[in-house]
Amino acid sequence: MIVTPGSIGRYAGLVFAGYGDREHFPSMHEYRVSGLFRTGLHHGYEKGTIINSSTKSWIEPFAQSDVIQSYLYGINEDLQRIICDAVSRILNDVTAAFIDATSMDSMRTGFEKMNAQLVESFTADVNGYTADVFMGPVKDSIAFLSKDEIATLAESLIKLTSLRRRASDEYETVGGPVDVAVISKHEGFVWISRKQYFNLILNPQYARQKEMMK
C-alpha cells in the first residue's frame, strides 16, 4: 500500500492480480483510493494488464520503481523525463537565439511547433529502443520461466531496489524480509517465502499446530 501525493490527493495504491472464474490467463489492475468523499469512495482506476496471445508476459513495478525500471528499460522515468526536458530546452534556446539574431519573430510559432515534434520523435525513438533492446528480451524470457524462477526474479528485483536505497543517501523505503507469493490457475495463491512477525524459536507450538493441520 502506497500513500503519496497524486491526482486524487493522498491515496492508497491497491493492486489486484490473479484469475477470474472464467479467465484462462491472469490479469492485473491498479486502483488509487483516497478515502470517503461526500457520499462515496473516492477512487480511480490507474492502469492494468491482461495476459493474452499478444501480451504473453509482463512485469509491473509499483511504488519505488526507479531501480526496476532501470533494469527493465535501461533508464527510469525520472531520468528519461530530465533528458527529454533538456533536449526541449536546448531546441527552444537555439530557436530563441536564432530569432533574436535574425529578427524573424513572425516564425517563432512555427519553430516552436517544429521543436515540439522533434522532442516527440526523440522520445518515441528512445522508447522504441528501450522496448526492443531491454524490455523485449526480458518479457520473452519470462514467458518460458517456471513459476519458482519467476518468484526468484521478483524477489531479486525487490532486493536490488533495497540495496540501491541502502547504498545511497536516500530514505530506505524498501528493505527487510521480502514476502513472495505465486498465483497460478491450478494451485491458486501459494506462499513462496513469508516473514513472521514473531520468533519461531520462541514459539514451538506454532510449528506443531502447522504440522497437525497438514
N, C-alpha and C. Protein backbone atom coordinates (compact mmCIF):
# COMPACT_ATOMS: atom_id res chain seq x y z
N MET A 1 0.85 -1.18 0.00
CA MET A 1 0.00 0.00 0.00
C MET A 1 0.89 1.23 0.00
N ILE A 2 0.58 2.19 -0.86
CA ILE A 2 1.39 3.38 -1.00
C ILE A 2 0.57 4.60 -0.67
N VAL A 3 1.12 5.51 0.11
CA VAL A 3 0.45 6.77 0.39
C VAL A 3 1.36 7.88 -0.09
N THR A 4 0.93 8.67 -1.06
CA THR A 4 1.76 9.70 -1.66
C THR A 4 0.87 10.70 -2.38
N PRO A 5 1.35 11.92 -2.60
CA PRO A 5 0.54 12.87 -3.35
C PRO A 5 0.25 12.37 -4.75
N GLY A 6 -0.95 12.64 -5.24
CA GLY A 6 -1.31 12.18 -6.57
C GLY A 6 -2.45 13.00 -7.13
N SER A 7 -3.02 12.55 -8.24
CA SER A 7 -4.07 13.30 -8.91
C SER A 7 -5.35 13.37 -8.09
N ILE A 8 -5.54 12.45 -7.18
CA ILE A 8 -6.72 12.47 -6.32
C ILE A 8 -6.31 12.73 -4.87
N GLY A 9 -5.25 13.50 -4.68
CA GLY A 9 -4.78 13.82 -3.34
C GLY A 9 -3.92 12.69 -2.81
N ARG A 10 -3.85 12.58 -1.51
CA ARG A 10 -3.10 11.48 -0.89
C ARG A 10 -3.92 10.21 -1.04
N TYR A 11 -3.29 9.17 -1.53
CA TYR A 11 -4.04 7.98 -1.87
C TYR A 11 -3.32 6.72 -1.44
N ALA A 12 -4.06 5.63 -1.36
CA ALA A 12 -3.50 4.30 -1.15
C ALA A 12 -3.60 3.55 -2.46
N GLY A 13 -2.49 2.96 -2.87
CA GLY A 13 -2.48 2.19 -4.10
C GLY A 13 -2.83 0.74 -3.83
N LEU A 14 -3.83 0.23 -4.50
CA LEU A 14 -4.25 -1.16 -4.36
C LEU A 14 -4.09 -1.88 -5.68
N VAL A 15 -3.45 -3.05 -5.65
CA VAL A 15 -3.21 -3.84 -6.86
C VAL A 15 -3.90 -5.18 -6.72
N PHE A 16 -4.70 -5.51 -7.70
CA PHE A 16 -5.39 -6.80 -7.74
C PHE A 16 -4.83 -7.62 -8.89
N ALA A 17 -4.43 -8.85 -8.60
CA ALA A 17 -3.87 -9.71 -9.63
C ALA A 17 -4.37 -11.13 -9.43
N GLY A 18 -4.55 -11.83 -10.53
CA GLY A 18 -4.98 -13.23 -10.44
C GLY A 18 -5.88 -13.61 -11.60
N TYR A 19 -6.77 -14.55 -11.32
CA TYR A 19 -7.65 -15.12 -12.34
C TYR A 19 -9.11 -14.94 -11.94
N GLY A 20 -9.95 -14.63 -12.90
CA GLY A 20 -11.39 -14.65 -12.67
C GLY A 20 -11.92 -16.06 -12.87
N ASP A 21 -13.19 -16.26 -12.57
CA ASP A 21 -13.78 -17.59 -12.69
C ASP A 21 -13.73 -18.12 -14.12
N ARG A 22 -13.82 -17.21 -15.09
CA ARG A 22 -13.87 -17.63 -16.48
C ARG A 22 -12.61 -17.24 -17.26
N GLU A 23 -11.59 -16.79 -16.56
CA GLU A 23 -10.36 -16.37 -17.23
C GLU A 23 -9.36 -17.52 -17.29
N HIS A 24 -8.77 -17.71 -18.47
CA HIS A 24 -7.73 -18.72 -18.63
C HIS A 24 -6.34 -18.13 -18.42
N PHE A 25 -6.23 -16.81 -18.49
CA PHE A 25 -4.95 -16.14 -18.30
C PHE A 25 -5.10 -15.07 -17.22
N PRO A 26 -4.01 -14.73 -16.54
CA PRO A 26 -4.09 -13.78 -15.43
C PRO A 26 -4.19 -12.33 -15.92
N SER A 27 -4.60 -11.47 -15.01
CA SER A 27 -4.65 -10.04 -15.28
C SER A 27 -4.29 -9.28 -14.02
N MET A 28 -3.93 -8.03 -14.19
CA MET A 28 -3.54 -7.17 -13.08
C MET A 28 -4.21 -5.81 -13.25
N HIS A 29 -4.73 -5.24 -12.14
CA HIS A 29 -5.38 -3.94 -12.19
C HIS A 29 -4.99 -3.14 -10.96
N GLU A 30 -4.64 -1.88 -11.19
CA GLU A 30 -4.23 -1.00 -10.10
C GLU A 30 -5.27 0.11 -9.91
N TYR A 31 -5.63 0.34 -8.66
CA TYR A 31 -6.57 1.40 -8.30
C TYR A 31 -5.93 2.31 -7.26
N ARG A 32 -6.42 3.55 -7.25
CA ARG A 32 -6.00 4.50 -6.23
C ARG A 32 -7.21 4.92 -5.41
N VAL A 33 -7.09 4.79 -4.10
CA VAL A 33 -8.19 5.10 -3.19
C VAL A 33 -7.72 6.17 -2.22
N SER A 34 -8.52 7.23 -2.07
CA SER A 34 -8.13 8.32 -1.17
C SER A 34 -9.15 8.54 -0.05
N GLY A 35 -10.00 7.57 0.20
CA GLY A 35 -10.94 7.67 1.32
C GLY A 35 -12.35 8.04 0.89
N LEU A 36 -13.21 8.24 1.88
CA LEU A 36 -14.60 8.57 1.61
C LEU A 36 -14.74 10.07 1.33
N PHE A 37 -15.53 10.39 0.33
CA PHE A 37 -15.75 11.78 -0.04
C PHE A 37 -17.23 11.97 -0.30
N ARG A 38 -17.89 12.79 0.53
CA ARG A 38 -19.33 13.02 0.44
C ARG A 38 -20.08 11.70 0.58
N THR A 39 -20.60 11.19 -0.53
CA THR A 39 -21.47 10.02 -0.43
C THR A 39 -20.81 8.71 -0.88
N GLY A 40 -19.55 8.76 -1.24
CA GLY A 40 -18.96 7.52 -1.73
C GLY A 40 -17.46 7.48 -1.59
N LEU A 41 -16.89 6.40 -2.07
CA LEU A 41 -15.45 6.17 -2.01
C LEU A 41 -14.77 6.92 -3.14
N HIS A 42 -13.80 7.73 -2.79
CA HIS A 42 -13.07 8.50 -3.80
C HIS A 42 -11.94 7.61 -4.33
N HIS A 43 -12.07 7.16 -5.56
CA HIS A 43 -11.09 6.23 -6.11
C HIS A 43 -10.96 6.46 -7.61
N GLY A 44 -9.92 5.88 -8.17
CA GLY A 44 -9.70 5.99 -9.61
C GLY A 44 -8.92 4.81 -10.13
N TYR A 45 -9.24 4.40 -11.33
CA TYR A 45 -8.52 3.29 -11.97
C TYR A 45 -7.24 3.84 -12.58
N GLU A 46 -6.11 3.24 -12.24
CA GLU A 46 -4.81 3.73 -12.70
C GLU A 46 -4.37 3.05 -13.99
N LYS A 47 -4.19 1.75 -13.94
CA LYS A 47 -3.78 1.01 -15.14
C LYS A 47 -3.97 -0.48 -14.89
N GLY A 48 -3.83 -1.24 -15.96
CA GLY A 48 -3.96 -2.69 -15.85
C GLY A 48 -3.32 -3.39 -17.02
N THR A 49 -3.11 -4.68 -16.85
CA THR A 49 -2.52 -5.51 -17.90
C THR A 49 -3.23 -6.85 -17.93
N ILE A 50 -3.58 -7.31 -19.10
CA ILE A 50 -4.22 -8.61 -19.28
C ILE A 50 -3.33 -9.47 -20.15
N ILE A 51 -2.99 -10.65 -19.65
CA ILE A 51 -2.16 -11.57 -20.42
C ILE A 51 -3.05 -12.26 -21.46
N ASN A 52 -2.59 -12.24 -22.71
CA ASN A 52 -3.33 -12.87 -23.80
C ASN A 52 -2.35 -13.33 -24.87
N SER A 53 -2.85 -13.63 -26.06
CA SER A 53 -1.99 -14.14 -27.12
C SER A 53 -0.97 -13.12 -27.59
N SER A 54 -1.28 -11.84 -27.47
CA SER A 54 -0.34 -10.80 -27.91
C SER A 54 0.57 -10.32 -26.77
N THR A 55 0.08 -10.35 -25.54
CA THR A 55 0.89 -10.00 -24.36
C THR A 55 1.09 -11.25 -23.54
N LYS A 56 2.21 -11.93 -23.77
CA LYS A 56 2.43 -13.24 -23.16
C LYS A 56 3.05 -13.16 -21.77
N SER A 57 3.63 -12.03 -21.44
CA SER A 57 4.23 -11.86 -20.12
C SER A 57 4.35 -10.37 -19.82
N TRP A 58 4.52 -10.05 -18.54
CA TRP A 58 4.59 -8.64 -18.16
C TRP A 58 5.22 -8.50 -16.79
N ILE A 59 5.96 -7.40 -16.60
CA ILE A 59 6.49 -7.03 -15.29
C ILE A 59 6.03 -5.61 -15.01
N GLU A 60 5.44 -5.39 -13.85
CA GLU A 60 4.96 -4.06 -13.50
C GLU A 60 5.46 -3.67 -12.12
N PRO A 61 6.38 -2.70 -12.03
CA PRO A 61 6.85 -2.23 -10.71
C PRO A 61 5.88 -1.22 -10.12
N PHE A 62 5.82 -1.16 -8.79
CA PHE A 62 4.97 -0.21 -8.10
C PHE A 62 5.78 0.53 -7.04
N ALA A 63 5.27 1.66 -6.62
CA ALA A 63 5.89 2.48 -5.57
C ALA A 63 7.30 2.88 -5.98
N GLN A 64 8.33 2.42 -5.25
CA GLN A 64 9.72 2.77 -5.56
C GLN A 64 10.17 1.96 -6.78
N SER A 65 9.89 2.48 -7.97
CA SER A 65 10.07 1.68 -9.19
C SER A 65 11.29 2.06 -10.01
N ASP A 66 12.09 3.04 -9.57
CA ASP A 66 13.18 3.54 -10.41
C ASP A 66 14.23 2.49 -10.72
N VAL A 67 14.61 1.68 -9.72
CA VAL A 67 15.65 0.67 -9.94
C VAL A 67 15.15 -0.42 -10.88
N ILE A 68 13.92 -0.88 -10.68
CA ILE A 68 13.36 -1.92 -11.54
C ILE A 68 13.18 -1.39 -12.95
N GLN A 69 12.77 -0.14 -13.10
CA GLN A 69 12.64 0.45 -14.43
C GLN A 69 14.00 0.51 -15.13
N SER A 70 15.05 0.83 -14.38
CA SER A 70 16.39 0.86 -14.97
C SER A 70 16.81 -0.51 -15.47
N TYR A 71 16.44 -1.55 -14.72
CA TYR A 71 16.76 -2.91 -15.14
C TYR A 71 15.95 -3.31 -16.37
N LEU A 72 14.68 -2.96 -16.37
CA LEU A 72 13.79 -3.39 -17.45
C LEU A 72 13.98 -2.58 -18.73
N TYR A 73 14.20 -1.27 -18.59
CA TYR A 73 14.23 -0.39 -19.74
C TYR A 73 15.59 0.25 -20.01
N GLY A 74 16.55 0.04 -19.11
CA GLY A 74 17.85 0.68 -19.28
C GLY A 74 17.85 2.12 -18.82
N ILE A 75 16.70 2.64 -18.39
CA ILE A 75 16.57 4.02 -17.93
C ILE A 75 15.26 4.12 -17.16
N ASN A 76 15.24 4.94 -16.10
CA ASN A 76 13.99 5.12 -15.37
C ASN A 76 13.25 6.35 -15.86
N GLU A 77 12.00 6.47 -15.46
CA GLU A 77 11.14 7.54 -15.97
C GLU A 77 11.66 8.93 -15.62
N ASP A 78 12.19 9.09 -14.41
CA ASP A 78 12.68 10.40 -14.00
C ASP A 78 13.85 10.85 -14.87
N LEU A 79 14.81 9.95 -15.11
CA LEU A 79 15.96 10.31 -15.93
C LEU A 79 15.55 10.58 -17.37
N GLN A 80 14.64 9.76 -17.90
CA GLN A 80 14.17 9.99 -19.27
C GLN A 80 13.48 11.34 -19.39
N ARG A 81 12.68 11.69 -18.39
CA ARG A 81 11.99 12.98 -18.42
C ARG A 81 12.99 14.14 -18.38
N ILE A 82 14.04 14.00 -17.57
CA ILE A 82 15.07 15.04 -17.49
C ILE A 82 15.77 15.20 -18.83
N ILE A 83 16.10 14.08 -19.49
CA ILE A 83 16.77 14.14 -20.79
C ILE A 83 15.88 14.80 -21.83
N CYS A 84 14.62 14.39 -21.88
CA CYS A 84 13.70 14.98 -22.87
C CYS A 84 13.46 16.46 -22.60
N ASP A 85 13.37 16.84 -21.33
CA ASP A 85 13.20 18.25 -20.99
C ASP A 85 14.44 19.05 -21.41
N ALA A 86 15.63 18.45 -21.24
CA ALA A 86 16.86 19.13 -21.62
C ALA A 86 16.93 19.32 -23.13
N VAL A 87 16.54 18.30 -23.89
CA VAL A 87 16.52 18.42 -25.35
C VAL A 87 15.55 19.52 -25.77
N SER A 88 14.37 19.55 -25.16
CA SER A 88 13.39 20.58 -25.48
C SER A 88 13.91 21.97 -25.15
N ARG A 89 14.57 22.10 -24.00
CA ARG A 89 15.10 23.41 -23.60
C ARG A 89 16.21 23.87 -24.55
N ILE A 90 17.07 22.96 -24.96
CA ILE A 90 18.15 23.31 -25.90
C ILE A 90 17.58 23.78 -27.23
N LEU A 91 16.59 23.05 -27.75
CA LEU A 91 15.99 23.44 -29.02
C LEU A 91 15.34 24.81 -28.93
N ASN A 92 14.63 25.05 -27.84
CA ASN A 92 13.95 26.34 -27.67
C ASN A 92 14.95 27.48 -27.48
N ASP A 93 16.05 27.20 -26.77
CA ASP A 93 17.07 28.24 -26.59
C ASP A 93 17.74 28.59 -27.91
N VAL A 94 18.05 27.56 -28.70
CA VAL A 94 18.66 27.80 -30.01
C VAL A 94 17.70 28.57 -30.91
N THR A 95 16.42 28.19 -30.86
CA THR A 95 15.41 28.89 -31.66
C THR A 95 15.30 30.36 -31.26
N ALA A 96 15.25 30.61 -29.94
CA ALA A 96 15.14 31.98 -29.46
C ALA A 96 16.35 32.81 -29.87
N ALA A 97 17.54 32.20 -29.77
CA ALA A 97 18.76 32.92 -30.16
C ALA A 97 18.76 33.22 -31.66
N PHE A 98 18.30 32.28 -32.46
CA PHE A 98 18.25 32.48 -33.91
C PHE A 98 17.26 33.58 -34.29
N ILE A 99 16.08 33.56 -33.65
CA ILE A 99 15.06 34.57 -33.95
C ILE A 99 15.54 35.97 -33.54
N ASP A 100 16.19 36.03 -32.36
CA ASP A 100 16.70 37.33 -31.90
C ASP A 100 17.79 37.85 -32.83
N ALA A 101 18.63 36.94 -33.35
CA ALA A 101 19.73 37.37 -34.21
C ALA A 101 19.27 37.77 -35.60
N THR A 102 18.18 37.19 -36.06
CA THR A 102 17.71 37.44 -37.42
C THR A 102 16.46 38.31 -37.48
N SER A 103 15.92 38.66 -36.30
CA SER A 103 14.69 39.48 -36.24
C SER A 103 13.54 38.84 -37.02
N MET A 104 13.41 37.51 -36.91
CA MET A 104 12.35 36.78 -37.62
C MET A 104 11.30 36.28 -36.61
N ASP A 105 10.79 37.22 -35.81
CA ASP A 105 9.85 36.87 -34.76
C ASP A 105 8.57 36.24 -35.30
N SER A 106 8.21 36.55 -36.54
CA SER A 106 6.98 36.01 -37.11
C SER A 106 7.05 34.49 -37.30
N MET A 107 8.26 33.94 -37.26
CA MET A 107 8.42 32.50 -37.46
C MET A 107 8.52 31.74 -36.14
N ARG A 108 8.37 32.45 -35.01
CA ARG A 108 8.54 31.83 -33.71
C ARG A 108 7.57 30.67 -33.50
N THR A 109 6.28 30.87 -33.82
CA THR A 109 5.28 29.82 -33.62
C THR A 109 5.60 28.58 -34.44
N GLY A 110 6.03 28.76 -35.65
CA GLY A 110 6.39 27.61 -36.50
C GLY A 110 7.56 26.84 -35.94
N PHE A 111 8.57 27.57 -35.45
CA PHE A 111 9.73 26.90 -34.86
C PHE A 111 9.35 26.14 -33.59
N GLU A 112 8.50 26.75 -32.76
CA GLU A 112 8.09 26.09 -31.52
C GLU A 112 7.32 24.80 -31.82
N LYS A 113 6.48 24.83 -32.83
CA LYS A 113 5.74 23.62 -33.22
C LYS A 113 6.69 22.54 -33.74
N MET A 114 7.67 22.96 -34.53
CA MET A 114 8.65 22.00 -35.05
C MET A 114 9.48 21.41 -33.92
N ASN A 115 9.87 22.24 -32.94
CA ASN A 115 10.64 21.75 -31.81
C ASN A 115 9.86 20.71 -31.02
N ALA A 116 8.55 20.96 -30.81
CA ALA A 116 7.72 20.00 -30.08
C ALA A 116 7.66 18.67 -30.82
N GLN A 117 7.58 18.72 -32.15
CA GLN A 117 7.55 17.50 -32.94
C GLN A 117 8.88 16.75 -32.86
N LEU A 118 9.99 17.50 -32.83
CA LEU A 118 11.31 16.87 -32.72
C LEU A 118 11.47 16.18 -31.37
N VAL A 119 11.01 16.81 -30.30
CA VAL A 119 11.10 16.20 -28.97
C VAL A 119 10.22 14.96 -28.90
N GLU A 120 9.04 15.03 -29.49
CA GLU A 120 8.14 13.88 -29.51
C GLU A 120 8.77 12.72 -30.28
N SER A 121 9.40 13.03 -31.41
CA SER A 121 10.08 11.99 -32.19
C SER A 121 11.26 11.41 -31.43
N PHE A 122 12.01 12.26 -30.74
CA PHE A 122 13.14 11.81 -29.94
C PHE A 122 12.68 10.86 -28.84
N THR A 123 11.60 11.24 -28.14
CA THR A 123 11.06 10.41 -27.07
C THR A 123 10.59 9.06 -27.60
N ALA A 124 9.94 9.08 -28.76
CA ALA A 124 9.47 7.82 -29.37
C ALA A 124 10.63 6.93 -29.74
N ASP A 125 11.72 7.51 -30.24
CA ASP A 125 12.90 6.71 -30.60
C ASP A 125 13.52 6.07 -29.36
N VAL A 126 13.60 6.83 -28.27
CA VAL A 126 14.15 6.30 -27.02
C VAL A 126 13.28 5.16 -26.49
N ASN A 127 11.97 5.37 -26.49
CA ASN A 127 11.05 4.34 -26.01
C ASN A 127 11.13 3.08 -26.88
N GLY A 128 11.23 3.28 -28.17
CA GLY A 128 11.34 2.13 -29.07
C GLY A 128 12.62 1.34 -28.84
N TYR A 129 13.71 2.06 -28.63
CA TYR A 129 15.00 1.38 -28.40
C TYR A 129 14.98 0.60 -27.09
N THR A 130 14.48 1.24 -26.02
CA THR A 130 14.46 0.55 -24.73
C THR A 130 13.53 -0.67 -24.77
N ALA A 131 12.43 -0.56 -25.51
CA ALA A 131 11.50 -1.68 -25.60
C ALA A 131 12.12 -2.85 -26.37
N ASP A 132 12.85 -2.56 -27.44
CA ASP A 132 13.43 -3.61 -28.27
C ASP A 132 14.67 -4.24 -27.64
N VAL A 133 15.51 -3.42 -27.02
CA VAL A 133 16.81 -3.89 -26.54
C VAL A 133 16.75 -4.39 -25.10
N PHE A 134 15.91 -3.78 -24.26
CA PHE A 134 15.87 -4.12 -22.85
C PHE A 134 14.62 -4.92 -22.47
N MET A 135 13.46 -4.26 -22.54
CA MET A 135 12.23 -4.88 -22.06
C MET A 135 11.81 -6.07 -22.90
N GLY A 136 11.95 -5.99 -24.21
CA GLY A 136 11.52 -7.07 -25.09
C GLY A 136 12.14 -8.41 -24.76
N PRO A 137 13.49 -8.51 -24.70
CA PRO A 137 14.12 -9.79 -24.37
C PRO A 137 13.72 -10.32 -22.99
N VAL A 138 13.55 -9.42 -22.01
CA VAL A 138 13.16 -9.86 -20.68
C VAL A 138 11.77 -10.48 -20.70
N LYS A 139 10.83 -9.81 -21.36
CA LYS A 139 9.46 -10.33 -21.45
C LYS A 139 9.43 -11.65 -22.19
N ASP A 140 10.23 -11.78 -23.24
CA ASP A 140 10.27 -13.03 -23.99
C ASP A 140 10.79 -14.17 -23.12
N SER A 141 11.78 -13.87 -22.27
CA SER A 141 12.35 -14.91 -21.40
C SER A 141 11.38 -15.30 -20.30
N ILE A 142 10.67 -14.31 -19.75
CA ILE A 142 9.74 -14.58 -18.65
C ILE A 142 8.64 -15.54 -19.09
N ALA A 143 8.24 -15.44 -20.35
CA ALA A 143 7.16 -16.29 -20.84
C ALA A 143 7.49 -17.77 -20.74
N PHE A 144 8.79 -18.11 -20.63
CA PHE A 144 9.20 -19.52 -20.60
C PHE A 144 9.80 -19.92 -19.25
N LEU A 145 9.79 -19.01 -18.28
CA LEU A 145 10.33 -19.35 -16.96
C LEU A 145 9.31 -20.17 -16.17
N SER A 146 9.83 -21.03 -15.30
CA SER A 146 8.95 -21.78 -14.40
C SER A 146 8.47 -20.86 -13.28
N LYS A 147 7.45 -21.30 -12.55
CA LYS A 147 6.87 -20.45 -11.50
C LYS A 147 7.88 -20.12 -10.41
N ASP A 148 8.71 -21.08 -10.02
CA ASP A 148 9.70 -20.79 -8.98
C ASP A 148 10.77 -19.83 -9.47
N GLU A 149 11.12 -19.88 -10.77
CA GLU A 149 12.10 -18.94 -11.32
C GLU A 149 11.51 -17.53 -11.41
N ILE A 150 10.24 -17.42 -11.72
CA ILE A 150 9.59 -16.11 -11.75
C ILE A 150 9.56 -15.52 -10.35
N ALA A 151 9.27 -16.34 -9.35
CA ALA A 151 9.27 -15.86 -7.96
C ALA A 151 10.65 -15.38 -7.55
N THR A 152 11.68 -16.10 -7.94
CA THR A 152 13.05 -15.70 -7.62
C THR A 152 13.40 -14.38 -8.29
N LEU A 153 12.97 -14.20 -9.54
CA LEU A 153 13.22 -12.95 -10.26
C LEU A 153 12.55 -11.78 -9.55
N ALA A 154 11.29 -11.95 -9.15
CA ALA A 154 10.57 -10.89 -8.46
C ALA A 154 11.26 -10.51 -7.16
N GLU A 155 11.66 -11.51 -6.39
CA GLU A 155 12.35 -11.24 -5.12
C GLU A 155 13.68 -10.55 -5.36
N SER A 156 14.40 -10.95 -6.40
CA SER A 156 15.70 -10.35 -6.70
C SER A 156 15.57 -8.87 -7.07
N LEU A 157 14.51 -8.53 -7.81
CA LEU A 157 14.30 -7.13 -8.19
C LEU A 157 14.01 -6.27 -6.97
N ILE A 158 13.24 -6.80 -6.02
CA ILE A 158 12.96 -6.06 -4.79
C ILE A 158 14.23 -5.89 -3.98
N LYS A 159 15.02 -6.94 -3.88
CA LYS A 159 16.27 -6.85 -3.11
C LYS A 159 17.26 -5.89 -3.78
N LEU A 160 17.24 -5.84 -5.10
CA LEU A 160 18.10 -4.90 -5.82
C LEU A 160 17.71 -3.46 -5.49
N THR A 161 16.40 -3.21 -5.41
CA THR A 161 15.92 -1.88 -5.02
C THR A 161 16.34 -1.56 -3.59
N SER A 162 16.24 -2.53 -2.69
CA SER A 162 16.64 -2.34 -1.30
C SER A 162 18.13 -2.02 -1.20
N LEU A 163 18.96 -2.73 -1.97
CA LEU A 163 20.40 -2.49 -1.96
C LEU A 163 20.72 -1.10 -2.47
N ARG A 164 20.01 -0.66 -3.52
CA ARG A 164 20.22 0.68 -4.06
C ARG A 164 19.89 1.74 -3.02
N ARG A 165 18.83 1.56 -2.26
CA ARG A 165 18.46 2.51 -1.23
C ARG A 165 19.49 2.52 -0.09
N ARG A 166 19.97 1.34 0.26
CA ARG A 166 20.91 1.24 1.37
C ARG A 166 22.26 1.85 1.02
N ALA A 167 22.66 1.76 -0.24
CA ALA A 167 23.97 2.26 -0.67
C ALA A 167 23.88 3.68 -1.20
N SER A 168 22.90 4.45 -0.76
CA SER A 168 22.76 5.83 -1.18
C SER A 168 22.29 6.66 0.01
N ASP A 169 22.15 7.97 -0.21
CA ASP A 169 21.69 8.84 0.86
C ASP A 169 20.18 9.02 0.83
N GLU A 170 19.47 8.16 0.06
CA GLU A 170 18.02 8.23 0.00
C GLU A 170 17.42 7.48 1.19
N TYR A 171 16.14 7.76 1.45
CA TYR A 171 15.45 7.04 2.51
C TYR A 171 15.31 5.57 2.14
N GLU A 172 15.54 4.69 3.12
CA GLU A 172 15.43 3.25 2.90
C GLU A 172 13.96 2.84 3.00
N THR A 173 13.19 3.18 1.97
CA THR A 173 11.76 2.88 1.97
C THR A 173 11.48 1.45 1.51
N VAL A 174 12.49 0.77 0.98
CA VAL A 174 12.35 -0.62 0.56
C VAL A 174 13.44 -1.42 1.25
N GLY A 175 13.07 -2.48 1.97
CA GLY A 175 14.07 -3.27 2.65
C GLY A 175 13.45 -4.29 3.58
N GLY A 176 14.31 -5.03 4.24
CA GLY A 176 13.84 -6.05 5.15
C GLY A 176 13.45 -7.33 4.43
N PRO A 177 12.93 -8.31 5.15
CA PRO A 177 12.48 -9.56 4.53
C PRO A 177 11.40 -9.30 3.48
N VAL A 178 11.43 -10.07 2.41
CA VAL A 178 10.51 -9.89 1.29
C VAL A 178 9.51 -11.05 1.27
N ASP A 179 8.23 -10.72 1.25
CA ASP A 179 7.19 -11.73 1.08
C ASP A 179 7.01 -12.01 -0.41
N VAL A 180 7.00 -13.28 -0.77
CA VAL A 180 6.86 -13.67 -2.17
C VAL A 180 5.75 -14.72 -2.28
N ALA A 181 4.83 -14.50 -3.19
CA ALA A 181 3.74 -15.46 -3.42
C ALA A 181 3.54 -15.65 -4.91
N VAL A 182 3.05 -16.80 -5.29
CA VAL A 182 2.76 -17.12 -6.69
C VAL A 182 1.28 -17.44 -6.81
N ILE A 183 0.62 -16.84 -7.80
CA ILE A 183 -0.77 -17.14 -8.09
C ILE A 183 -0.85 -17.87 -9.41
N SER A 184 -1.36 -19.07 -9.40
CA SER A 184 -1.48 -19.86 -10.63
C SER A 184 -2.92 -20.35 -10.77
N LYS A 185 -3.25 -20.80 -11.96
CA LYS A 185 -4.61 -21.24 -12.24
C LYS A 185 -5.00 -22.47 -11.45
N HIS A 186 -4.06 -23.38 -11.26
CA HIS A 186 -4.38 -24.66 -10.63
C HIS A 186 -4.10 -24.66 -9.12
N GLU A 187 -2.97 -24.07 -8.69
CA GLU A 187 -2.63 -24.08 -7.27
C GLU A 187 -3.23 -22.91 -6.51
N GLY A 188 -3.69 -21.87 -7.22
CA GLY A 188 -4.21 -20.70 -6.53
C GLY A 188 -3.10 -19.86 -5.93
N PHE A 189 -3.35 -19.29 -4.75
CA PHE A 189 -2.39 -18.43 -4.07
C PHE A 189 -1.48 -19.30 -3.21
N VAL A 190 -0.16 -19.24 -3.48
CA VAL A 190 0.81 -20.07 -2.75
C VAL A 190 1.96 -19.18 -2.29
N TRP A 191 2.25 -19.23 -0.97
CA TRP A 191 3.40 -18.51 -0.45
C TRP A 191 4.69 -19.21 -0.84
N ILE A 192 5.66 -18.44 -1.32
CA ILE A 192 7.00 -18.97 -1.59
C ILE A 192 7.91 -18.67 -0.41
N SER A 193 7.86 -17.45 0.08
CA SER A 193 8.56 -17.07 1.31
C SER A 193 7.72 -16.03 2.02
N ARG A 194 7.69 -16.13 3.33
CA ARG A 194 6.85 -15.21 4.10
C ARG A 194 7.47 -14.97 5.46
N LYS A 195 7.68 -13.70 5.79
CA LYS A 195 8.27 -13.36 7.08
C LYS A 195 7.24 -13.52 8.19
N GLN A 196 7.71 -13.84 9.38
CA GLN A 196 6.85 -13.98 10.54
C GLN A 196 7.02 -12.77 11.44
N TYR A 197 5.94 -12.34 12.08
CA TYR A 197 6.02 -11.21 12.99
C TYR A 197 6.49 -11.63 14.38
N PHE A 198 6.79 -12.94 14.54
CA PHE A 198 7.28 -13.43 15.81
C PHE A 198 8.43 -14.39 15.56
N ASN A 199 9.19 -14.67 16.60
CA ASN A 199 10.34 -15.58 16.52
C ASN A 199 9.85 -17.02 16.62
N LEU A 200 10.10 -17.80 15.57
CA LEU A 200 9.63 -19.18 15.56
C LEU A 200 10.28 -20.03 16.65
N ILE A 201 11.52 -19.72 16.99
CA ILE A 201 12.23 -20.50 18.00
C ILE A 201 11.54 -20.35 19.36
N LEU A 202 10.99 -19.17 19.62
CA LEU A 202 10.32 -18.91 20.90
C LEU A 202 8.87 -19.38 20.90
N ASN A 203 8.40 -19.87 19.77
CA ASN A 203 7.00 -20.30 19.66
C ASN A 203 6.92 -21.68 18.99
N PRO A 204 7.45 -22.71 19.65
CA PRO A 204 7.45 -24.06 19.06
C PRO A 204 6.04 -24.61 18.85
N GLN A 205 5.06 -24.11 19.63
CA GLN A 205 3.71 -24.62 19.48
C GLN A 205 3.14 -24.26 18.11
N TYR A 206 3.63 -23.17 17.53
CA TYR A 206 3.14 -22.77 16.20
C TYR A 206 3.52 -23.82 15.17
N ALA A 207 4.76 -24.29 15.22
CA ALA A 207 5.21 -25.32 14.29
C ALA A 207 4.41 -26.60 14.48
N ARG A 208 4.09 -26.96 15.74
CA ARG A 208 3.31 -28.17 15.99
C ARG A 208 1.90 -28.03 15.44
N GLN A 209 1.30 -26.84 15.59
CA GLN A 209 -0.05 -26.61 15.07
C GLN A 209 -0.06 -26.72 13.55
N LYS A 210 0.95 -26.16 12.92
CA LYS A 210 1.03 -26.23 11.46
C LYS A 210 1.17 -27.68 11.01
N GLU A 211 1.94 -28.46 11.77
CA GLU A 211 2.15 -29.86 11.40
C GLU A 211 0.86 -30.66 11.58
N MET A 212 0.08 -30.36 12.60
CA MET A 212 -1.17 -31.08 12.84
C MET A 212 -2.22 -30.73 11.79
N MET A 213 -2.13 -29.54 11.19
CA MET A 213 -3.09 -29.11 10.20
C MET A 213 -2.86 -29.74 8.83
N LYS A 214 -1.70 -30.33 8.61
CA LYS A 214 -1.40 -30.94 7.31
C LYS A 214 -2.22 -32.21 7.10
